[in-house]
Protein backbone atom coordinates (compact mmCIF):
# COMPACT_ATOMS: atom_id res chain seq x y z
CA MET A 1 0.00 0.00 0.00
CA PRO A 2 1.59 3.31 -1.07
CA GLN A 3 2.19 6.09 1.42
CA LEU A 4 0.48 9.43 0.98
CA ASP A 5 3.01 12.16 0.34
CA THR A 6 2.18 15.02 2.71
CA SER A 7 5.42 16.96 2.39
CA THR A 8 3.87 19.70 0.23
CA TRP A 9 0.72 20.15 2.32
CA LEU A 10 2.21 22.81 4.56
CA THR A 11 3.30 24.86 1.56
CA MET A 12 -0.10 24.51 -0.08
CA ILE A 13 -2.05 25.44 3.05
CA THR A 14 0.21 28.40 3.78
CA SER A 15 -0.05 29.70 0.22
CA MET A 16 -3.83 29.23 0.29
CA PHE A 17 -4.19 31.29 3.48
CA LEU A 18 -1.90 33.98 2.11
CA THR A 19 -3.89 34.15 -1.12
CA LEU A 20 -7.18 34.33 0.74
CA PHE A 21 -5.86 37.06 2.99
CA ILE A 22 -4.70 39.11 0.01
CA ILE A 23 -8.01 38.64 -1.82
CA PHE A 24 -10.05 39.73 1.20
CA GLN A 25 -7.81 42.71 1.81
CA LEU A 26 -8.29 43.82 -1.78
CA LYS A 27 -12.05 43.37 -1.57
CA ILE A 28 -12.30 45.30 1.69
CA SER A 29 -10.08 48.10 0.44
CA LYS A 30 -12.53 48.86 -2.40
CA HIS A 31 -15.34 49.74 0.02
CA ASN A 32 -16.04 53.37 0.83
CA PHE A 33 -16.49 53.96 4.52
CA TYR A 34 -17.59 57.18 6.18
CA HIS A 35 -14.75 58.87 7.97
CA ASN A 36 -16.79 60.40 10.75
CA PRO A 37 -20.41 59.32 10.84
CA GLU A 38 -22.73 61.81 12.48
CA PRO A 39 -25.75 60.59 14.41
CA THR A 40 -29.03 61.77 13.05
CA THR A 41 -31.62 63.13 15.42
CA THR A 42 -35.06 61.66 15.08
CA LYS A 43 -38.10 63.35 16.55
CA MET A 44 -40.64 61.29 18.37
CA LEU A 45 -44.06 61.94 16.91
CA LYS A 46 -46.79 62.23 19.50
CA GLN A 47 -49.95 60.51 18.36
CA ASN A 48 -53.17 61.62 19.94
CA THR A 49 -55.33 58.69 20.82
CA PRO A 50 -58.92 58.97 22.03
CA TRP A 51 -58.31 57.32 25.36
CA GLU A 52 -55.60 59.82 26.31
CA MET A 53 -58.13 62.67 26.24
CA LYS A 54 -60.47 61.01 28.72
CA TRP A 55 -59.95 60.26 32.35
CA THR A 56 -60.42 56.60 33.03
CA LYS A 57 -60.31 54.68 36.24
CA THR A 58 -59.58 51.01 36.57
CA TYR A 59 -61.63 49.30 39.22
CA LEU A 60 -60.19 46.32 40.95
CA PRO A 61 -62.65 43.56 41.82
CA LEU A 62 -61.87 43.87 45.53
CA SER A 63 -62.49 47.62 45.62
CA LEU A 64 -66.11 47.38 44.44
CA PRO A 65 -68.78 48.09 47.04
CA GLN A 66 -70.54 45.06 48.44
């Protein structure tokens, strides 16, 4: 049974990682990023609902008169 020659595996794996690193660096370098992003202020819109205009009281069952 022949032996599997693994002497070149380290070179292949190292060159693969180096190539992948270079490719990802080139892809990332093509992106345009904002240098100093400014937060935008958003205003909360107040919605008038009908039940906010009225005064309501919640009665608990134990507080009802007997």
